[in-house]
Amino acid sequence: MLSARSLFQEIHDNDEAFRLFCSIAAKGEDQGGWENGRISRLVPDPVLAPKVARHGADEDKHGRIFNALMHKRGLDPVTVPDDTDYTMMLERQGIGLAHARLRREEQLTEQDVITYLAHSRVTEQRAAEQMQLLKGIFGDHPVLGRAVRMISNDEDNHLAFCHEELLRLAALGHGRAILNTLQLTARAEIRTYRDVSLAVMAHMGEILRWPRAKSAVLAAGIHAVYLYERLGGWRRMTTLRMPERLNALGGPAPTETFA
């Protein structure tokens, strides 16, 4: 039976597939760590800046975790194919703050901060959902369990942070700008997620030598998810509610490490 559990188990059990999966994940986390690190230095708000820095520190930690998982199996990272680079594909569409903007030593504007938080709110929704899925599959695994639980908890914190900060800005009169940015970001994200998912499955299919019928079924499933999201599922990424975890990124990042 073809299921998410059987699919991820198959990827986990093959060194080349696992190496590609972890390399893709590590690169995305490293990019997120760099972006948040730069944003934390450019944000003029002295209360927000350390929270953004904490966000970046978490992303850097996640990149180290995925690299450590490869190291435990004697694997080295591989070059990530361009068609699987979710972060850069979003940037090429003008979603989020461009790297060229972040490299300038120039304080972010209020609209820049809204763009950053809206981008994070949408992409962290996806990350939190993906980690919940992996936690359900590998949460009790003797090697992967601690890693996926740690990352999943961090992603939940990141999502709570975005909700709280966007609601704070909405209360200051930025509601319309926030909603417009969230909607634009969500529509671009679901297309990008579809395209990246198709690319990742194609690369995995080559490594694992899936029969054409299996690849076709997986592709059909990815297109079905996109159709659901395009018809209204994307709206879950644009709603805002006060989270249970208030000040989720307040204080320094935990010193806990994964090796």
Protein backbone atom coordinates (compact mmCIF):
# COMPACT_ATOMS: atom_id res chain seq x y z
CA MET A 1 0.00 0.00 0.00
CA LEU A 2 1.34 3.42 -0.98
CA SER A 3 1.23 5.80 2.01
CA ALA A 4 3.24 8.68 3.42
CA ARG A 5 4.69 6.29 6.00
CA SER A 6 5.82 3.73 3.44
CA LEU A 7 7.19 6.46 1.17
CA PHE A 8 9.30 8.14 3.85
CA GLN A 9 10.40 4.77 5.19
CA GLU A 10 11.64 3.84 1.74
CA ILE A 11 13.57 7.11 1.48
CA HIS A 12 15.03 6.59 4.96
CA ASP A 13 16.18 3.05 4.20
CA ASN A 14 18.18 4.04 1.09
CA ASP A 15 21.43 5.92 1.69
CA GLU A 16 21.33 7.94 -1.54
CA ALA A 17 17.68 8.92 -1.12
CA PHE A 18 18.20 9.80 2.55
CA ARG A 19 21.27 11.85 1.68
CA LEU A 20 19.36 13.85 -0.93
CA PHE A 21 16.42 14.40 1.41
CA CYS A 22 18.64 15.64 4.26
CA SER A 23 20.74 17.77 1.90
CA ILE A 24 17.65 19.53 0.57
CA ALA A 25 16.35 20.08 4.10
CA ALA A 26 19.72 21.30 5.42
CA LYS A 27 20.16 23.80 2.59
CA GLY A 28 16.70 25.26 3.17
CA GLU A 29 17.36 25.59 6.90
CA ASP A 30 20.77 27.18 6.29
CA GLN A 31 19.21 29.72 3.93
CA GLY A 32 16.53 30.49 6.51
CA GLY A 33 19.17 30.92 9.19
CA TRP A 34 21.12 33.40 7.08
CA GLU A 35 18.02 35.37 6.13
CA ASN A 36 16.77 35.67 9.70
CA GLY A 37 20.24 36.56 10.91
CA ARG A 38 20.47 39.43 8.43
CA ILE A 39 16.92 40.57 9.16
CA SER A 40 17.62 40.64 12.90
CA ARG A 41 20.48 43.08 12.27
CA LEU A 42 18.38 45.32 10.01
CA VAL A 43 15.14 45.44 12.02
CA PRO A 44 14.90 48.80 13.82
CA ASP A 45 12.60 47.45 16.56
CA PRO A 46 14.80 46.47 19.56
CA VAL A 47 12.07 44.13 20.89
CA LEU A 48 11.53 42.29 17.60
CA ALA A 49 15.19 41.96 16.61
CA PRO A 50 16.21 39.36 19.24
CA LYS A 51 13.18 37.25 18.40
CA VAL A 52 14.16 37.24 14.73
CA ALA A 53 17.71 36.34 15.79
CA ARG A 54 16.32 33.43 17.81
CA HIS A 55 14.38 32.33 14.74
CA GLY A 56 17.60 32.35 12.72
CA ALA A 57 19.51 30.45 15.41
CA ASP A 58 16.84 27.74 15.36
CA GLU A 59 17.08 27.42 11.57
CA ASP A 60 20.88 27.13 11.79
CA LYS A 61 20.42 24.41 14.41
CA HIS A 62 18.06 22.51 12.13
CA GLY A 63 20.62 22.61 9.34
CA ARG A 64 23.20 21.13 11.73
CA ILE A 65 20.73 18.43 12.75
CA PHE A 66 20.15 17.27 9.18
CA ASN A 67 23.89 17.25 8.55
CA ALA A 68 24.42 15.27 11.76
CA LEU A 69 21.86 12.69 10.65
CA MET A 70 23.84 12.18 7.46
CA HIS A 71 27.12 12.04 9.38
CA LYS A 72 25.73 9.29 11.65
CA ARG A 73 25.33 7.13 8.54
CA GLY A 74 28.71 8.06 7.08
CA LEU A 75 27.12 10.21 4.38
CA ASP A 76 28.24 13.56 2.99
CA PRO A 77 25.80 16.22 1.68
CA VAL A 78 25.15 16.35 -2.04
CA THR A 79 24.57 19.33 -4.29
CA VAL A 80 20.90 20.28 -4.11
CA PRO A 81 19.21 20.34 -7.55
CA ASP A 82 17.91 23.80 -8.46
CA ASP A 83 14.40 22.50 -9.04
CA THR A 84 14.16 21.37 -5.40
CA ASP A 85 15.32 24.68 -3.88
CA TYR A 86 12.04 25.86 -2.33
CA THR A 87 13.49 29.00 -0.72
CA MET A 88 15.21 30.33 -3.82
CA MET A 89 12.25 29.51 -6.07
CA LEU A 90 10.05 31.68 -3.87
CA GLU A 91 12.59 34.50 -3.95
CA ARG A 92 12.73 34.40 -7.76
CA GLN A 93 8.98 35.11 -7.74
CA GLY A 94 9.49 38.18 -5.58
CA ILE A 95 8.17 36.49 -2.44
CA GLY A 96 9.78 37.53 0.82
CA LEU A 97 12.75 39.85 1.15
CA ALA A 98 15.29 39.46 -1.65
CA HIS A 99 18.83 38.50 -0.69
CA ALA A 100 20.10 41.59 -2.50
CA ARG A 101 17.97 43.70 -0.16
CA LEU A 102 19.24 41.88 2.90
CA ARG A 103 22.87 42.37 1.92
CA ARG A 104 22.47 46.15 2.05
CA GLU A 105 23.31 47.82 5.33
CA GLU A 106 19.99 49.63 5.36
CA GLN A 107 17.28 49.41 8.02
CA LEU A 108 14.09 47.60 7.08
CA THR A 109 10.91 49.59 6.59
CA GLU A 110 7.60 48.73 8.20
CA GLN A 111 6.44 47.18 4.91
CA ASP A 112 9.65 45.13 4.80
CA VAL A 113 8.86 43.77 8.26
CA ILE A 114 5.31 42.90 7.15
CA THR A 115 6.72 41.15 4.08
CA TYR A 116 9.13 39.16 6.24
CA LEU A 117 6.50 38.13 8.79
CA ALA A 118 3.89 37.25 6.15
CA HIS A 119 6.42 35.15 4.23
CA SER A 120 7.39 33.41 7.47
CA ARG A 121 3.79 32.87 8.53
CA VAL A 122 3.02 31.04 5.25
CA THR A 123 6.23 29.01 4.98
CA GLU A 124 6.26 28.11 8.68
CA GLN A 125 2.72 26.78 8.29
CA ARG A 126 4.05 24.40 5.67
CA ALA A 127 7.10 23.51 7.77
CA ALA A 128 5.01 22.86 10.89
CA GLU A 129 2.65 20.58 8.96
CA GLN A 130 5.52 18.67 7.37
CA MET A 131 7.23 18.16 10.73
CA GLN A 132 3.98 17.00 12.30
CA LEU A 133 3.78 14.39 9.55
CA LEU A 134 7.39 13.28 10.10
CA LYS A 135 6.88 13.23 13.87
CA GLY A 136 3.92 10.91 13.38
CA ILE A 137 6.07 8.57 11.30
CA PHE A 138 9.46 8.78 13.01
CA GLY A 139 8.69 10.29 16.43
CA ASP A 140 9.58 7.04 18.22
CA HIS A 141 12.51 6.15 15.96
CA PRO A 142 15.71 5.50 17.97
CA VAL A 143 17.80 7.84 15.79
CA LEU A 144 15.39 10.20 14.04
CA GLY A 145 12.85 10.56 16.86
CA ARG A 146 14.63 13.19 18.94
CA ALA A 147 15.56 15.20 15.86
CA VAL A 148 12.04 15.40 14.41
CA ARG A 149 10.49 16.16 17.79
CA MET A 150 12.97 18.98 18.40
CA ILE A 151 12.50 20.53 14.97
CA SER A 152 8.71 20.15 15.13
CA ASN A 153 8.58 22.00 18.45
CA ASP A 154 10.72 24.81 17.01
CA GLU A 155 8.50 25.12 13.92
CA ASP A 156 5.44 25.42 16.16
CA ASN A 157 7.22 28.21 18.04
CA HIS A 158 8.09 29.99 14.80
CA LEU A 159 4.49 29.83 13.62
CA ALA A 160 3.23 31.17 16.96
CA PHE A 161 5.73 34.04 16.74
CA CYS A 162 4.45 35.01 13.27
CA HIS A 163 0.81 34.98 14.38
CA GLU A 164 1.52 37.12 17.44
CA GLU A 165 3.68 39.68 15.63
CA LEU A 166 1.31 40.04 12.66
CA LEU A 167 -1.65 40.52 14.99
CA ARG A 168 0.30 43.19 16.85
CA LEU A 169 0.95 45.03 13.58
CA ALA A 170 -2.66 44.58 12.49
CA ALA A 171 -3.76 46.27 15.72
CA LEU A 172 -1.57 49.22 14.73
CA GLY A 173 -3.53 49.71 11.51
CA HIS A 174 -1.66 47.47 9.05
CA GLY A 175 -4.40 44.87 8.65
CA ARG A 176 -5.08 45.43 4.94
CA ALA A 177 -1.39 45.40 3.99
CA ILE A 178 -0.88 42.22 6.02
CA LEU A 179 -3.85 40.43 4.43
CA ASN A 180 -2.79 41.40 0.91
CA THR A 181 0.76 40.21 1.51
CA LEU A 182 -0.39 36.94 3.09
CA GLN A 183 -2.68 36.18 0.15
CA LEU A 184 -0.03 36.93 -2.45
CA THR A 185 2.50 34.83 -0.57
CA ALA A 186 0.17 31.87 -0.02
CA ARG A 187 -0.85 31.65 -3.69
CA ALA A 188 2.80 31.66 -4.77
CA GLU A 189 3.76 29.17 -2.06
CA ILE A 190 1.24 26.50 -3.06
CA ARG A 191 2.48 26.60 -6.67
CA THR A 192 6.09 26.42 -5.53
CA TYR A 193 5.37 23.59 -3.11
CA ARG A 194 3.71 21.64 -5.91
CA ASP A 195 6.63 22.18 -8.28
CA VAL A 196 9.26 21.33 -5.66
CA SER A 197 7.33 18.24 -4.55
CA LEU A 198 7.15 16.99 -8.13
CA ALA A 199 10.87 17.60 -8.58
CA VAL A 200 11.82 15.88 -5.32
CA MET A 201 9.69 12.85 -6.17
CA ALA A 202 11.21 12.69 -9.65
CA HIS A 203 14.74 12.66 -8.21
CA MET A 204 13.74 10.08 -5.59
CA GLY A 205 12.13 7.96 -8.28
CA GLU A 206 15.40 7.86 -10.21
CA ILE A 207 17.40 6.90 -7.12
CA LEU A 208 14.93 4.27 -5.93
CA ARG A 209 14.06 3.06 -9.44
CA TRP A 210 10.36 3.41 -8.98
CA PRO A 211 8.19 1.93 -11.71
CA ARG A 212 6.45 4.44 -13.94
CA ALA A 213 3.05 3.59 -12.44
CA LYS A 214 4.23 4.41 -8.91
CA SER A 215 5.71 7.73 -10.00
CA ALA A 216 2.48 8.56 -11.81
CA VAL A 217 0.39 7.84 -8.70
CA LEU A 218 2.63 10.06 -6.56
CA ALA A 219 2.52 12.87 -9.11
CA ALA A 220 -1.28 12.61 -9.24
CA GLY A 221 -1.40 12.89 -5.45
CA ILE A 222 0.75 16.03 -5.51
CA HIS A 223 -1.48 17.60 -8.15
CA ALA A 224 -4.56 16.67 -6.08
CA VAL A 225 -3.12 18.46 -3.03
CA TYR A 226 -2.42 21.51 -5.17
CA LEU A 227 -5.97 21.50 -6.53
CA TYR A 228 -7.37 21.37 -2.99
CA GLU A 229 -5.11 24.23 -1.94
CA ARG A 230 -5.88 26.32 -5.01
CA LEU A 231 -9.62 25.91 -4.46
CA GLY A 232 -9.44 27.21 -0.91
CA GLY A 233 -6.97 25.24 1.17
CA TRP A 234 -4.50 28.12 0.84
CA ARG A 235 -6.67 30.20 3.15
CA ARG A 236 -5.41 28.29 6.21
CA MET A 237 -2.10 30.07 5.58
CA THR A 238 -3.62 33.54 5.68
CA THR A 239 -5.75 33.45 8.83
CA LEU A 240 -4.40 34.90 12.07
CA ARG A 241 -5.24 33.92 15.62
CA MET A 242 -3.59 34.62 18.93
CA PRO A 243 -1.42 31.57 19.67
CA GLU A 244 -1.38 29.59 22.90
CA ARG A 245 2.41 29.98 22.96
CA LEU A 246 2.84 33.69 23.62
CA ASN A 247 6.32 35.19 23.27
CA ALA A 248 7.41 31.86 21.81
CA LEU A 249 10.77 33.24 20.67
CA GLY A 250 11.43 35.40 23.70
CA GLY A 251 14.78 34.85 25.37
CA PRO A 252 17.90 33.16 23.99
CA ALA A 253 17.81 29.97 21.94
CA PRO A 254 18.12 26.79 24.05
CA THR A 255 21.66 25.46 24.30
CA GLU A 256 20.50 21.88 23.61
CA THR A 257 22.43 20.35 20.74
CA PHE A 258 21.99 17.33 18.51
CA ALA A 259 24.97 15.20 17.56
